[in-house]
Amino acid sequence: MVNAVRRQWPIAASLAVVLAGLVVVASGHFRRGTLLLSFGVALALFLRLLLPASEAGLLAVRSKKVDVAVLATLALATSLLALWVPPPST
């Protein structure tokens, strides 16, 4: 059981960065938090790209090509949207 949980470090690391981004968004810094969130998705992308399926844990859902394509699309889309949204006027 412990070994099975230890093998999930790639998704745990990615989710930790995504959660940190959500905390930053909740504290009122939308752009910084959303960019941090997209960095978490990009981290998952690179971990899925570099690790073999046996070590990728829950990041390996489909074939490597499909997983990388989906994660790349999500990382790019969230970072572009974070930069596109205008800052609040004061």
C-alpha atoms as a PDB file:
ATOM      1  CA  MET A   1       0.000   0.000   0.000  1.00  0.00           C
ATOM      2  CA  VAL A   2       2.720   2.482   0.960  1.00  0.00           C
ATOM      3  CA  ASN A   3       4.682   1.622  -2.177  1.00  0.00           C
ATOM      4  CA  ALA A   4       1.592   2.259  -4.318  1.00  0.00           C
ATOM      5  CA  VAL A   5       1.152   5.709  -2.768  1.00  0.00           C
ATOM      6  CA  ARG A   6       4.852   6.476  -3.238  1.00  0.00           C
ATOM      7  CA  ARG A   7       4.558   5.791  -6.958  1.00  0.00           C
ATOM      8  CA  GLN A   8       2.047   8.649  -7.287  1.00  0.00           C
ATOM      9  CA  TRP A   9       4.591  11.397  -6.592  1.00  0.00           C
ATOM     10  CA  PRO A  10       4.333  12.888 -10.130  1.00  0.00           C
ATOM     11  CA  ILE A  11       0.634  13.684  -9.856  1.00  0.00           C
ATOM     12  CA  ALA A  12       1.016  14.731  -6.209  1.00  0.00           C
ATOM     13  CA  ALA A  13       3.710  17.255  -7.149  1.00  0.00           C
ATOM     14  CA  SER A  14       1.599  18.632 -10.003  1.00  0.00           C
ATOM     15  CA  LEU A  15      -1.512  18.871  -7.847  1.00  0.00           C
ATOM     16  CA  ALA A  16       0.441  20.635  -5.086  1.00  0.00           C
ATOM     17  CA  VAL A  17       1.469  23.368  -7.539  1.00  0.00           C
ATOM     18  CA  VAL A  18      -2.096  23.622  -8.881  1.00  0.00           C
ATOM     19  CA  LEU A  19      -3.466  23.925  -5.340  1.00  0.00           C
ATOM     20  CA  ALA A  20      -0.908  26.614  -4.539  1.00  0.00           C
ATOM     21  CA  GLY A  21      -2.117  28.482  -7.627  1.00  0.00           C
ATOM     22  CA  LEU A  22      -5.714  28.211  -6.461  1.00  0.00           C
ATOM     23  CA  VAL A  23      -4.742  29.581  -3.046  1.00  0.00           C
ATOM     24  CA  VAL A  24      -3.046  32.543  -4.746  1.00  0.00           C
ATOM     25  CA  VAL A  25      -6.177  33.132  -6.873  1.00  0.00           C
ATOM     26  CA  ALA A  26      -8.361  32.963  -3.750  1.00  0.00           C
ATOM     27  CA  SER A  27      -6.151  35.561  -2.069  1.00  0.00           C
ATOM     28  CA  GLY A  28      -6.973  38.025  -4.834  1.00  0.00           C
ATOM     29  CA  HIS A  29      -4.102  37.647  -7.298  1.00  0.00           C
ATOM     30  CA  PHE A  30      -5.843  36.202 -10.335  1.00  0.00           C
ATOM     31  CA  ARG A  31      -3.058  36.477 -12.898  1.00  0.00           C
ATOM     32  CA  ARG A  32      -0.274  35.178 -10.640  1.00  0.00           C
ATOM     33  CA  GLY A  33      -2.402  32.323  -9.393  1.00  0.00           C
ATOM     34  CA  THR A  34      -3.585  31.285 -12.832  1.00  0.00           C
ATOM     35  CA  LEU A  35      -0.039  31.329 -14.174  1.00  0.00           C
ATOM     36  CA  LEU A  36       1.016  29.168 -11.234  1.00  0.00           C
ATOM     37  CA  LEU A  37      -1.879  26.833 -12.005  1.00  0.00           C
ATOM     38  CA  SER A  38      -0.762  26.561 -15.628  1.00  0.00           C
ATOM     39  CA  PHE A  39       2.783  25.874 -14.406  1.00  0.00           C
ATOM     40  CA  GLY A  40       1.382  22.929 -12.426  1.00  0.00           C
ATOM     41  CA  VAL A  41      -0.225  21.570 -15.585  1.00  0.00           C
ATOM     42  CA  ALA A  42       3.036  22.127 -17.493  1.00  0.00           C
ATOM     43  CA  LEU A  43       4.870  20.239 -14.738  1.00  0.00           C
ATOM     44  CA  ALA A  44       2.489  17.328 -15.267  1.00  0.00           C
ATOM     45  CA  LEU A  45       3.153  17.598 -19.010  1.00  0.00           C
ATOM     46  CA  PHE A  46       6.923  17.359 -18.631  1.00  0.00           C
ATOM     47  CA  LEU A  47       6.735  14.600 -16.033  1.00  0.00           C
ATOM     48  CA  ARG A  48       4.459  12.586 -18.347  1.00  0.00           C
ATOM     49  CA  LEU A  49       6.813  13.257 -21.240  1.00  0.00           C
ATOM     50  CA  LEU A  50       9.996  12.282 -19.384  1.00  0.00           C
ATOM     51  CA  LEU A  51       8.874   9.413 -17.148  1.00  0.00           C
ATOM     52  CA  PRO A  52       8.063   5.947 -18.449  1.00  0.00           C
ATOM     53  CA  ALA A  53       4.459   4.824 -18.012  1.00  0.00           C
ATOM     54  CA  SER A  54       5.441   2.504 -15.155  1.00  0.00           C
ATOM     55  CA  GLU A  55       6.755   5.474 -13.135  1.00  0.00           C
ATOM     56  CA  ALA A  56       4.237   8.135 -14.220  1.00  0.00           C
ATOM     57  CA  GLY A  57       1.534   6.775 -11.930  1.00  0.00           C
ATOM     58  CA  LEU A  58      -1.856   8.387 -12.417  1.00  0.00           C
ATOM     59  CA  LEU A  59      -0.453  10.798 -15.005  1.00  0.00           C
ATOM     60  CA  ALA A  60      -0.469   7.865 -17.442  1.00  0.00           C
ATOM     61  CA  VAL A  61      -4.141   7.748 -18.376  1.00  0.00           C
ATOM     62  CA  ARG A  62      -4.061   7.180 -22.121  1.00  0.00           C
ATOM     63  CA  SER A  63      -1.225   6.782 -24.568  1.00  0.00           C
ATOM     64  CA  LYS A  64       1.738   9.073 -23.994  1.00  0.00           C
ATOM     65  CA  LYS A  65       1.006  11.074 -27.162  1.00  0.00           C
ATOM     66  CA  VAL A  66      -2.589  11.779 -26.146  1.00  0.00           C
ATOM     67  CA  ASP A  67      -1.662  12.646 -22.553  1.00  0.00           C
ATOM     68  CA  VAL A  68       1.081  15.039 -23.682  1.00  0.00           C
ATOM     69  CA  ALA A  69      -1.198  16.668 -26.286  1.00  0.00           C
ATOM     70  CA  VAL A  70      -4.016  17.217 -23.778  1.00  0.00           C
ATOM     71  CA  LEU A  71      -1.712  18.559 -21.060  1.00  0.00           C
ATOM     72  CA  ALA A  72       0.081  20.848 -23.529  1.00  0.00           C
ATOM     73  CA  THR A  73      -3.246  22.230 -24.731  1.00  0.00           C
ATOM     74  CA  LEU A  74      -4.438  22.841 -21.159  1.00  0.00           C
ATOM     75  CA  ALA A  75      -1.166  24.465 -20.071  1.00  0.00           C
ATOM     76  CA  LEU A  76      -1.066  26.742 -23.097  1.00  0.00           C
ATOM     77  CA  ALA A  77      -4.754  27.661 -22.874  1.00  0.00           C
ATOM     78  CA  THR A  78      -4.671  28.506 -19.158  1.00  0.00           C
ATOM     79  CA  SER A  79      -1.519  30.585 -19.479  1.00  0.00           C
ATOM     80  CA  LEU A  80      -2.869  32.479 -22.503  1.00  0.00           C
ATOM     81  CA  LEU A  81      -6.164  33.147 -20.756  1.00  0.00           C
ATOM     82  CA  ALA A  82      -4.344  34.320 -17.626  1.00  0.00           C
ATOM     83  CA  LEU A  83      -2.383  36.817 -19.682  1.00  0.00           C
ATOM     84  CA  TRP A  84      -5.399  37.830 -21.778  1.00  0.00           C
ATOM     85  CA  VAL A  85      -7.708  38.805 -18.925  1.00  0.00           C
ATOM     86  CA  PRO A  86      -7.171  42.502 -18.196  1.00  0.00           C
ATOM     87  CA  PRO A  87      -6.136  43.492 -14.687  1.00  0.00           C
ATOM     88  CA  PRO A  88      -8.884  44.998 -12.546  1.00  0.00           C
ATOM     89  CA  SER A  89      -9.269  48.740 -12.829  1.00  0.00           C
ATOM     90  CA  THR A  90      -8.714  50.667  -9.656  1.00  0.00           C
END
